[in-house]
Amino acid sequence: MSFKKFKPLGNRLLVKRSEAEMSKGGILLPDSAQEKPRRGEVLAVGPGKMQEDGTVSNMEIKAGDQVLFGSFAGTEVSVDEEEFLILSEDDVLAVVE
């Protein structure tokens, strides 16, 4: 199954984390000791958040955006041995331009 079969609901985003970078000193840490990157690419977006009056708010973030998010934000999911993150639009701290 591919991530393309996922359609986030509400104001949620499907994000692929960026690859971890090597330290400036060239030290490679084992995966268990590395902090997971807090940056990623948005692969899919939901339709938007339902408001109390029944309208749907537009998403400010779109597929292809590079975003920054908090360390403990979102829910990790695994599809075909690939790791993705489902985030609420509210969990996104910034869009990187």
PDB file of N, CA and C in Angstrom:
ATOM      1  N   MET A   1       0.843  -1.178   0.000  1.00  0.00           N
ATOM      2  CA  MET A   1       0.000   0.000   0.000  1.00  0.00           C
ATOM      3  C   MET A   1       0.889   1.242   0.000  1.00  0.00           C
ATOM      4  N   SER A   2       0.511   2.218  -0.744  1.00  0.00           N
ATOM      5  CA  SER A   2       1.291   3.446  -0.890  1.00  0.00           C
ATOM      6  C   SER A   2       0.665   4.573  -0.072  1.00  0.00           C
ATOM      7  N   PHE A   3       1.503   5.570   0.283  1.00  0.00           N
ATOM      8  CA  PHE A   3       0.971   6.728   1.004  1.00  0.00           C
ATOM      9  C   PHE A   3      -0.072   7.444   0.169  1.00  0.00           C
ATOM     10  N   LYS A   4      -0.048   7.265  -1.150  1.00  0.00           N
ATOM     11  CA  LYS A   4      -1.001   7.947  -2.031  1.00  0.00           C
ATOM     12  C   LYS A   4      -2.431   7.479  -1.783  1.00  0.00           C
ATOM     13  N   LYS A   5      -2.592   6.358  -1.086  1.00  0.00           N
ATOM     14  CA  LYS A   5      -3.929   5.865  -0.767  1.00  0.00           C
ATOM     15  C   LYS A   5      -4.461   6.486   0.522  1.00  0.00           C
ATOM     16  N   PHE A   6      -3.660   7.332   1.170  1.00  0.00           N
ATOM     17  CA  PHE A   6      -4.067   7.988   2.408  1.00  0.00           C
ATOM     18  C   PHE A   6      -4.613   9.374   2.116  1.00  0.00           C
ATOM     19  N   LYS A   7      -5.762   9.681   2.670  1.00  0.00           N
ATOM     20  CA  LYS A   7      -6.352  11.016   2.588  1.00  0.00           C
ATOM     21  C   LYS A   7      -6.605  11.463   4.020  1.00  0.00           C
ATOM     22  N   PRO A   8      -5.782  12.372   4.546  1.00  0.00           N
ATOM     23  CA  PRO A   8      -5.988  12.839   5.916  1.00  0.00           C
ATOM     24  C   PRO A   8      -7.373  13.468   6.078  1.00  0.00           C
ATOM     25  N   LEU A   9      -7.930  13.339   7.266  1.00  0.00           N
ATOM     26  CA  LEU A   9      -9.241  13.907   7.567  1.00  0.00           C
ATOM     27  C   LEU A   9      -9.090  15.234   8.295  1.00  0.00           C
ATOM     28  N   GLY A  10     -10.100  16.071   8.188  1.00  0.00           N
ATOM     29  CA  GLY A  10     -10.116  17.336   8.916  1.00  0.00           C
ATOM     30  C   GLY A  10      -8.916  18.204   8.592  1.00  0.00           C
ATOM     31  N   ASN A  11      -8.277  18.729   9.642  1.00  0.00           N
ATOM     32  CA  ASN A  11      -7.126  19.622   9.440  1.00  0.00           C
ATOM     33  C   ASN A  11      -5.806  18.877   9.658  1.00  0.00           C
ATOM     34  N   ARG A  12      -5.760  17.620   9.219  1.00  0.00           N
ATOM     35  CA  ARG A  12      -4.552  16.813   9.406  1.00  0.00           C
ATOM     36  C   ARG A  12      -3.710  16.767   8.135  1.00  0.00           C
ATOM     37  N   LEU A  13      -2.416  16.476   8.348  1.00  0.00           N
ATOM     38  CA  LEU A  13      -1.432  16.418   7.266  1.00  0.00           C
ATOM     39  C   LEU A  13      -0.693  15.093   7.331  1.00  0.00           C
ATOM     40  N   LEU A  14      -0.318  14.559   6.192  1.00  0.00           N
ATOM     41  CA  LEU A  14       0.567  13.398   6.130  1.00  0.00           C
ATOM     42  C   LEU A  14       1.951  13.924   5.778  1.00  0.00           C
ATOM     43  N   VAL A  15       2.940  13.655   6.652  1.00  0.00           N
ATOM     44  CA  VAL A  15       4.279  14.225   6.514  1.00  0.00           C
ATOM     45  C   VAL A  15       5.317  13.117   6.482  1.00  0.00           C
ATOM     46  N   LYS A  16       6.294  13.256   5.589  1.00  0.00           N
ATOM     47  CA  LYS A  16       7.468  12.374   5.545  1.00  0.00           C
ATOM     48  C   LYS A  16       8.607  13.147   6.188  1.00  0.00           C
ATOM     49  N   ARG A  17       9.148  12.604   7.286  1.00  0.00           N
ATOM     50  CA  ARG A  17      10.262  13.279   7.970  1.00  0.00           C
ATOM     51  C   ARG A  17      11.460  13.397   7.042  1.00  0.00           C
ATOM     52  N   SER A  18      12.195  14.491   7.190  1.00  0.00           N
ATOM     53  CA  SER A  18      13.457  14.663   6.467  1.00  0.00           C
ATOM     54  C   SER A  18      14.467  13.673   7.025  1.00  0.00           C
ATOM     55  N   GLU A  19      15.441  13.319   6.211  1.00  0.00           N
ATOM     56  CA  GLU A  19      16.500  12.417   6.665  1.00  0.00           C
ATOM     57  C   GLU A  19      17.367  13.131   7.688  1.00  0.00           C
ATOM     58  N   ALA A  20      17.805  12.402   8.693  1.00  0.00           N
ATOM     59  CA  ALA A  20      18.709  12.964   9.701  1.00  0.00           C
ATOM     60  C   ALA A  20      20.041  13.299   9.047  1.00  0.00           C
ATOM     61  N   GLU A  21      20.626  14.397   9.476  1.00  0.00           N
ATOM     62  CA  GLU A  21      21.901  14.823   8.907  1.00  0.00           C
ATOM     63  C   GLU A  21      23.046  14.401   9.813  1.00  0.00           C
ATOM     64  N   MET A  22      24.235  14.240   9.208  1.00  0.00           N
ATOM     65  CA  MET A  22      25.429  13.916   9.974  1.00  0.00           C
ATOM     66  C   MET A  22      25.849  15.150  10.771  1.00  0.00           C
ATOM     67  N   SER A  23      26.409  14.924  11.947  1.00  0.00           N
ATOM     68  CA  SER A  23      26.856  16.049  12.772  1.00  0.00           C
ATOM     69  C   SER A  23      27.981  16.797  12.072  1.00  0.00           C
ATOM     70  N   LYS A  24      28.219  18.050  12.480  1.00  0.00           N
ATOM     71  CA  LYS A  24      29.276  18.857  11.869  1.00  0.00           C
ATOM     72  C   LYS A  24      30.638  18.209  12.027  1.00  0.00           C
ATOM     73  N   GLY A  25      30.821  17.457  13.106  1.00  0.00           N
ATOM     74  CA  GLY A  25      32.094  16.777  13.348  1.00  0.00           C
ATOM     75  C   GLY A  25      32.201  15.459  12.604  1.00  0.00           C
ATOM     76  N   GLY A  26      31.162  15.089  11.860  1.00  0.00           N
ATOM     77  CA  GLY A  26      31.186  13.855  11.088  1.00  0.00           C
ATOM     78  C   GLY A  26      30.901  12.614  11.913  1.00  0.00           C
ATOM     79  N   ILE A  27      30.355  12.795  13.099  1.00  0.00           N
ATOM     80  CA  ILE A  27      30.077  11.657  13.972  1.00  0.00           C
ATOM     81  C   ILE A  27      28.715  11.075  13.620  1.00  0.00           C
ATOM     82  N   LEU A  28      28.689   9.772  13.414  1.00  0.00           N
ATOM     83  CA  LEU A  28      27.433   9.079  13.165  1.00  0.00           C
ATOM     84  C   LEU A  28      26.996   8.394  14.448  1.00  0.00           C
ATOM     85  N   LEU A  29      25.791   8.705  14.899  1.00  0.00           N
ATOM     86  CA  LEU A  29      25.253   8.083  16.096  1.00  0.00           C
ATOM     87  C   LEU A  29      24.361   6.918  15.699  1.00  0.00           C
ATOM     88  N   PRO A  30      24.272   5.883  16.535  1.00  0.00           N
ATOM     89  CA  PRO A  30      23.335   4.806  16.234  1.00  0.00           C
ATOM     90  C   PRO A  30      21.913   5.355  16.209  1.00  0.00           C
ATOM     91  N   ASP A  31      21.027   4.714  15.433  1.00  0.00           N
ATOM     92  CA  ASP A  31      19.649   5.192  15.305  1.00  0.00           C
ATOM     93  C   ASP A  31      18.978   5.393  16.651  1.00  0.00           C
ATOM     94  N   SER A  32      19.269   4.523  17.605  1.00  0.00           N
ATOM     95  CA  SER A  32      18.623   4.618  18.914  1.00  0.00           C
ATOM     96  C   SER A  32      19.036   5.873  19.673  1.00  0.00           C
ATOM     97  N   ALA A  33      20.174   6.458  19.344  1.00  0.00           N
ATOM     98  CA  ALA A  33      20.666   7.643  20.053  1.00  0.00           C
ATOM     99  C   ALA A  33      20.354   8.941  19.321  1.00  0.00           C
ATOM    100  N   GLN A  34      19.847   8.837  18.101  1.00  0.00           N
ATOM    101  CA  GLN A  34      19.577  10.042  17.317  1.00  0.00           C
ATOM    102  C   GLN A  34      18.199  10.606  17.642  1.00  0.00           C
ATOM    103  N   GLU A  35      18.139  11.916  17.715  1.00  0.00           N
ATOM    104  CA  GLU A  35      16.849  12.577  17.854  1.00  0.00           C
ATOM    105  C   GLU A  35      16.225  12.619  16.463  1.00  0.00           C
ATOM    106  N   LYS A  36      14.939  12.311  16.373  1.00  0.00           N
ATOM    107  CA  LYS A  36      14.275  12.312  15.077  1.00  0.00           C
ATOM    108  C   LYS A  36      14.150  13.742  14.570  1.00  0.00           C
ATOM    109  N   PRO A  37      14.321  13.919  13.264  1.00  0.00           N
ATOM    110  CA  PRO A  37      14.198  15.266  12.693  1.00  0.00           C
ATOM    111  C   PRO A  37      12.810  15.844  12.958  1.00  0.00           C
ATOM    112  N   ARG A  38      12.757  17.147  13.136  1.00  0.00           N
ATOM    113  CA  ARG A  38      11.493  17.837  13.368  1.00  0.00           C
ATOM    114  C   ARG A  38      11.118  18.668  12.151  1.00  0.00           C
ATOM    115  N   ARG A  39      11.520  18.172  11.010  1.00  0.00           N
ATOM    116  CA  ARG A  39      11.233  18.834   9.743  1.00  0.00           C
ATOM    117  C   ARG A  39      10.802  17.757   8.759  1.00  0.00           C
ATOM    118  N   GLY A  40       9.912  18.110   7.852  1.00  0.00           N
ATOM    119  CA  GLY A  40       9.481  17.128   6.877  1.00  0.00           C
ATOM    120  C   GLY A  40       8.729  17.763   5.728  1.00  0.00           C
ATOM    121  N   GLU A  41       8.409  16.912   4.754  1.00  0.00           N
ATOM    122  CA  GLU A  41       7.661  17.346   3.572  1.00  0.00           C
ATOM    123  C   GLU A  41       6.220  16.880   3.696  1.00  0.00           C
ATOM    124  N   VAL A  42       5.296  17.785   3.432  1.00  0.00           N
ATOM    125  CA  VAL A  42       3.874  17.457   3.462  1.00  0.00           C
ATOM    126  C   VAL A  42       3.537  16.701   2.181  1.00  0.00           C
ATOM    127  N   LEU A  43       2.987  15.488   2.339  1.00  0.00           N
ATOM    128  CA  LEU A  43       2.635  14.665   1.187  1.00  0.00           C
ATOM    129  C   LEU A  43       1.155  14.774   0.832  1.00  0.00           C
ATOM    130  N   ALA A  44       0.310  14.968   1.844  1.00  0.00           N
ATOM    131  CA  ALA A  44      -1.134  15.071   1.609  1.00  0.00           C
ATOM    132  C   ALA A  44      -1.755  15.917   2.712  1.00  0.00           C
ATOM    133  N   VAL A  45      -2.850  16.597   2.386  1.00  0.00           N
ATOM    134  CA  VAL A  45      -3.555  17.431   3.367  1.00  0.00           C
ATOM    135  C   VAL A  45      -5.041  17.089   3.364  1.00  0.00           C
ATOM    136  N   GLY A  46      -5.660  17.242   4.527  1.00  0.00           N
ATOM    137  CA  GLY A  46      -7.095  17.045   4.638  1.00  0.00           C
ATOM    138  C   GLY A  46      -7.847  18.248   4.086  1.00  0.00           C
ATOM    139  N   PRO A  47      -9.178  18.172   4.083  1.00  0.00           N
ATOM    140  CA  PRO A  47      -9.983  19.259   3.521  1.00  0.00           C
ATOM    141  C   PRO A  47     -10.016  20.521   4.375  1.00  0.00           C
ATOM    142  N   GLY A  48      -9.735  20.413   5.659  1.00  0.00           N
ATOM    143  CA  GLY A  48      -9.780  21.562   6.560  1.00  0.00           C
ATOM    144  C   GLY A  48     -10.631  21.258   7.776  1.00  0.00           C
ATOM    145  N   LYS A  49     -10.563  22.142   8.750  1.00  0.00           N
ATOM    146  CA  LYS A  49     -11.267  21.943  10.019  1.00  0.00           C
ATOM    147  C   LYS A  49     -12.715  22.406   9.910  1.00  0.00           C
ATOM    148  N   MET A  50     -13.628  21.576  10.434  1.00  0.00           N
ATOM    149  CA  MET A  50     -15.045  21.925  10.453  1.00  0.00           C
ATOM    150  C   MET A  50     -15.292  22.948  11.560  1.00  0.00           C
ATOM    151  N   GLN A  51     -15.896  24.064  11.190  1.00  0.00           N
ATOM    152  CA  GLN A  51     -16.214  25.124  12.145  1.00  0.00           C
ATOM    153  C   GLN A  51     -17.582  24.861  12.788  1.00  0.00           C
ATOM    154  N   GLU A  52     -17.876  25.566  13.867  1.00  0.00           N
ATOM    155  CA  GLU A  52     -19.149  25.381  14.569  1.00  0.00           C
ATOM    156  C   GLU A  52     -20.355  25.699  13.691  1.00  0.00           C
ATOM    157  N   ASP A  53     -20.195  26.627  12.745  1.00  0.00           N
ATOM    158  CA  ASP A  53     -21.314  26.994  11.873  1.00  0.00           C
ATOM    159  C   ASP A  53     -21.465  26.053  10.675  1.00  0.00           C
ATOM    160  N   GLY A  54     -20.643  24.991  10.624  1.00  0.00           N
ATOM    161  CA  GLY A  54     -20.752  24.000   9.556  1.00  0.00           C
ATOM    162  C   GLY A  54     -19.854  24.254   8.364  1.00  0.00           C
ATOM    163  N   THR A  55     -19.188  25.394   8.323  1.00  0.00           N
ATOM    164  CA  THR A  55     -18.269  25.663   7.220  1.00  0.00           C
ATOM    165  C   THR A  55     -16.931  24.977   7.486  1.00  0.00           C
ATOM    166  N   VAL A  56     -16.179  24.780   6.433  1.00  0.00           N
ATOM    167  CA  VAL A  56     -14.857  24.158   6.543  1.00  0.00           C
ATOM    168  C   VAL A  56     -13.805  25.230   6.287  1.00  0.00           C
ATOM    169  N   SER A  57     -12.874  25.384   7.238  1.00  0.00           N
ATOM    170  CA  SER A  57     -11.801  26.372   7.055  1.00  0.00           C
ATOM    171  C   SER A  57     -10.767  25.825   6.078  1.00  0.00           C
ATOM    172  N   ASN A  58     -10.231  26.685   5.254  1.00  0.00           N
ATOM    173  CA  ASN A  58      -9.218  26.281   4.283  1.00  0.00           C
ATOM    174  C   ASN A  58      -7.901  25.978   4.978  1.00  0.00           C
ATOM    175  N   MET A  59      -7.162  25.021   4.445  1.00  0.00           N
ATOM    176  CA  MET A  59      -5.847  24.681   4.974  1.00  0.00           C
ATOM    177  C   MET A  59      -4.840  25.708   4.463  1.00  0.00           C
ATOM    178  N   GLU A  60      -3.963  26.177   5.349  1.00  0.00           N
ATOM    179  CA  GLU A  60      -2.911  27.114   4.960  1.00  0.00           C
ATOM    180  C   GLU A  60      -1.707  26.380   4.385  1.00  0.00           C
ATOM    181  N   ILE A  61      -1.576  25.108   4.704  1.00  0.00           N
ATOM    182  CA  ILE A  61      -0.436  24.298   4.281  1.00  0.00           C
ATOM    183  C   ILE A  61      -0.886  23.421   3.123  1.00  0.00           C
ATOM    184  N   LYS A  62       0.007  23.227   2.152  1.00  0.00           N
ATOM    185  CA  LYS A  62      -0.345  22.412   0.988  1.00  0.00           C
ATOM    186  C   LYS A  62       0.698  21.320   0.770  1.00  0.00           C
ATOM    187  N   ALA A  63       0.335  20.316  -0.006  1.00  0.00           N
ATOM    188  CA  ALA A  63       1.263  19.236  -0.333  1.00  0.00           C
ATOM    189  C   ALA A  63       2.503  19.829  -0.992  1.00  0.00           C
ATOM    190  N   GLY A  64       3.667  19.335  -0.592  1.00  0.00           N
ATOM    191  CA  GLY A  64       4.931  19.825  -1.126  1.00  0.00           C
ATOM    192  C   GLY A  64       5.630  20.811  -0.206  1.00  0.00           C
ATOM    193  N   ASP A  65       4.897  21.400   0.752  1.00  0.00           N
ATOM    194  CA  ASP A  65       5.512  22.334   1.699  1.00  0.00           C
ATOM    195  C   ASP A  65       6.489  21.604   2.616  1.00  0.00           C
ATOM    196  N   GLN A  66       7.571  22.287   2.973  1.00  0.00           N
ATOM    197  CA  GLN A  66       8.505  21.814   3.998  1.00  0.00           C
ATOM    198  C   GLN A  66       8.076  22.472   5.302  1.00  0.00           C
ATOM    199  N   VAL A  67       7.851  21.664   6.345  1.00  0.00           N
ATOM    200  CA  VAL A  67       7.339  22.203   7.599  1.00  0.00           C
ATOM    201  C   VAL A  67       8.225  21.824   8.783  1.00  0.00           C
ATOM    202  N   LEU A  68       8.149  22.649   9.828  1.00  0.00           N
ATOM    203  CA  LEU A  68       8.800  22.378  11.108  1.00  0.00           C
ATOM    204  C   LEU A  68       7.706  22.093  12.126  1.00  0.00           C
ATOM    205  N   PHE A  69       7.965  21.119  13.013  1.00  0.00           N
ATOM    206  CA  PHE A  69       6.974  20.742  14.017  1.00  0.00           C
ATOM    207  C   PHE A  69       7.678  20.347  15.306  1.00  0.00           C
ATOM    208  N   GLY A  70       6.938  20.275  16.398  1.00  0.00           N
ATOM    209  CA  GLY A  70       7.493  19.954  17.703  1.00  0.00           C
ATOM    210  C   GLY A  70       7.959  18.508  17.806  1.00  0.00           C
ATOM    211  N   SER A  71       8.818  18.247  18.773  1.00  0.00           N
ATOM    212  CA  SER A  71       9.404  16.921  18.974  1.00  0.00           C
ATOM    213  C   SER A  71       8.369  15.824  19.192  1.00  0.00           C
ATOM    214  N   PHE A  72       7.305  16.142  19.905  1.00  0.00           N
ATOM    215  CA  PHE A  72       6.323  15.117  20.257  1.00  0.00           C
ATOM    216  C   PHE A  72       5.017  15.281  19.488  1.00  0.00           C
ATOM    217  N   ALA A  73       5.038  16.026  18.412  1.00  0.00           N
ATOM    218  CA  ALA A  73       3.827  16.293  17.638  1.00  0.00           C
ATOM    219  C   ALA A  73       3.458  15.093  16.774  1.00  0.00           C
ATOM    220  N   GLY A  74       2.172  14.899  16.571  1.00  0.00           N
ATOM    221  CA  GLY A  74       1.674  13.931  15.620  1.00  0.00           C
ATOM    222  C   GLY A  74       1.689  12.486  16.070  1.00  0.00           C
ATOM    223  N   THR A  75       1.265  11.633  15.131  1.00  0.00           N
ATOM    224  CA  THR A  75       1.197  10.193  15.334  1.00  0.00           C
ATOM    225  C   THR A  75       2.004   9.520  14.242  1.00  0.00           C
ATOM    226  N   GLU A  76       2.929   8.647  14.631  1.00  0.00           N
ATOM    227  CA  GLU A  76       3.747   7.940  13.653  1.00  0.00           C
ATOM    228  C   GLU A  76       2.971   6.763  13.080  1.00  0.00           C
ATOM    229  N   VAL A  77       3.058   6.595  11.759  1.00  0.00           N
ATOM    230  CA  VAL A  77       2.451   5.452  11.082  1.00  0.00           C
ATOM    231  C   VAL A  77       3.485   4.851  10.142  1.00  0.00           C
ATOM    232  N   SER A  78       3.370   3.552   9.913  1.00  0.00           N
ATOM    233  CA  SER A  78       4.295   2.848   9.030  1.00  0.00           C
ATOM    234  C   SER A  78       3.503   2.241   7.882  1.00  0.00           C
ATOM    235  N   VAL A  79       3.942   2.512   6.653  1.00  0.00           N
ATOM    236  CA  VAL A  79       3.302   1.975   5.459  1.00  0.00           C
ATOM    237  C   VAL A  79       4.389   1.384   4.581  1.00  0.00           C
ATOM    238  N   ASP A  80       4.281   0.105   4.285  1.00  0.00           N
ATOM    239  CA  ASP A  80       5.284  -0.573   3.452  1.00  0.00           C
ATOM    240  C   ASP A  80       6.698  -0.292   3.947  1.00  0.00           C
ATOM    241  N   GLU A  81       6.894  -0.410   5.252  1.00  0.00           N
ATOM    242  CA  GLU A  81       8.194  -0.223   5.894  1.00  0.00           C
ATOM    243  C   GLU A  81       8.734   1.205   5.780  1.00  0.00           C
ATOM    244  N   GLU A  82       7.887   2.154   5.421  1.00  0.00           N
ATOM    245  CA  GLU A  82       8.260   3.568   5.412  1.00  0.00           C
ATOM    246  C   GLU A  82       7.533   4.252   6.558  1.00  0.00           C
ATOM    247  N   GLU A  83       8.221   5.190   7.208  1.00  0.00           N
ATOM    248  CA  GLU A  83       7.646   5.897   8.349  1.00  0.00           C
ATOM    249  C   GLU A  83       7.084   7.253   7.917  1.00  0.00           C
ATOM    250  N   PHE A  84       5.877   7.534   8.371  1.00  0.00           N
ATOM    251  CA  PHE A  84       5.213   8.803   8.109  1.00  0.00           C
ATOM    252  C   PHE A  84       4.685   9.349   9.420  1.00  0.00           C
ATOM    253  N   LEU A  85       4.250  10.585   9.381  1.00  0.00           N
ATOM    254  CA  LEU A  85       3.709  11.251  10.556  1.00  0.00           C
ATOM    255  C   LEU A  85       2.391  11.905  10.159  1.00  0.00           C
ATOM    256  N   ILE A  86       1.366  11.708  10.975  1.00  0.00           N
ATOM    257  CA  ILE A  86       0.105  12.413  10.771  1.00  0.00           C
ATOM    258  C   ILE A  86       0.044  13.519  11.811  1.00  0.00           C
ATOM    259  N   LEU A  87      -0.005  14.753  11.328  1.00  0.00           N
ATOM    260  CA  LEU A  87       0.006  15.941  12.186  1.00  0.00           C
ATOM    261  C   LEU A  87      -1.277  16.732  12.006  1.00  0.00           C
ATOM    262  N   SER A  88      -1.676  17.419  13.049  1.00  0.00           N
ATOM    263  CA  SER A  88      -2.717  18.426  12.935  1.00  0.00           C
ATOM    264  C   SER A  88      -2.050  19.688  12.386  1.00  0.00           C
ATOM    265  N   GLU A  89      -2.780  20.465  11.613  1.00  0.00           N
ATOM    266  CA  GLU A  89      -2.214  21.715  11.102  1.00  0.00           C
ATOM    267  C   GLU A  89      -1.763  22.611  12.260  1.00  0.00           C
ATOM    268  N   ASP A  90      -2.433  22.505  13.401  1.00  0.00           N
ATOM    269  CA  ASP A  90      -2.073  23.297  14.584  1.00  0.00           C
ATOM    270  C   ASP A  90      -0.713  22.905  15.156  1.00  0.00           C
ATOM    271  N   ASP A  91      -0.231  21.679  14.865  1.00  0.00           N
ATOM    272  CA  ASP A  91       1.066  21.212  15.365  1.00  0.00           C
ATOM    273  C   ASP A  91       2.240  21.754  14.555  1.00  0.00           C
ATOM    274  N   VAL A  92       1.961  22.331  13.395  1.00  0.00           N
ATOM    275  CA  VAL A  92       3.024  22.866  12.543  1.00  0.00           C
ATOM    276  C   VAL A  92       3.445  24.232  13.079  1.00  0.00           C
ATOM    277  N   LEU A  93       4.747  24.371  13.305  1.00  0.00           N
ATOM    278  CA  LEU A  93       5.282  25.619  13.851  1.00  0.00           C
ATOM    279  C   LEU A  93       5.608  26.630  12.764  1.00  0.00           C
ATOM    280  N   ALA A  94       6.051  26.130  11.589  1.00  0.00           N
ATOM    281  CA  ALA A  94       6.437  27.039  10.504  1.00  0.00           C
ATOM    282  C   ALA A  94       6.509  26.281   9.189  1.00  0.00           C
ATOM    283  N   VAL A  95       6.335  27.026   8.105  1.00  0.00           N
ATOM    284  CA  VAL A  95       6.584  26.514   6.756  1.00  0.00           C
ATOM    285  C   VAL A  95       7.922  27.084   6.323  1.00  0.00           C
ATOM    286  N   VAL A  96       8.812  26.215   5.844  1.00  0.00           N
ATOM    287  CA  VAL A  96      10.149  26.634   5.413  1.00  0.00           C
ATOM    288  C   VAL A  96      10.080  26.999   3.939  1.00  0.00           C
ATOM    289  N   GLU A  97      10.514  28.211   3.612  1.00  0.00           N
ATOM    290  CA  GLU A  97      10.477  28.659   2.208  1.00  0.00           C
ATOM    291  C   GLU A  97      11.845  28.625   1.586  1.00  0.00           C
TER     292      GLU A  97
END
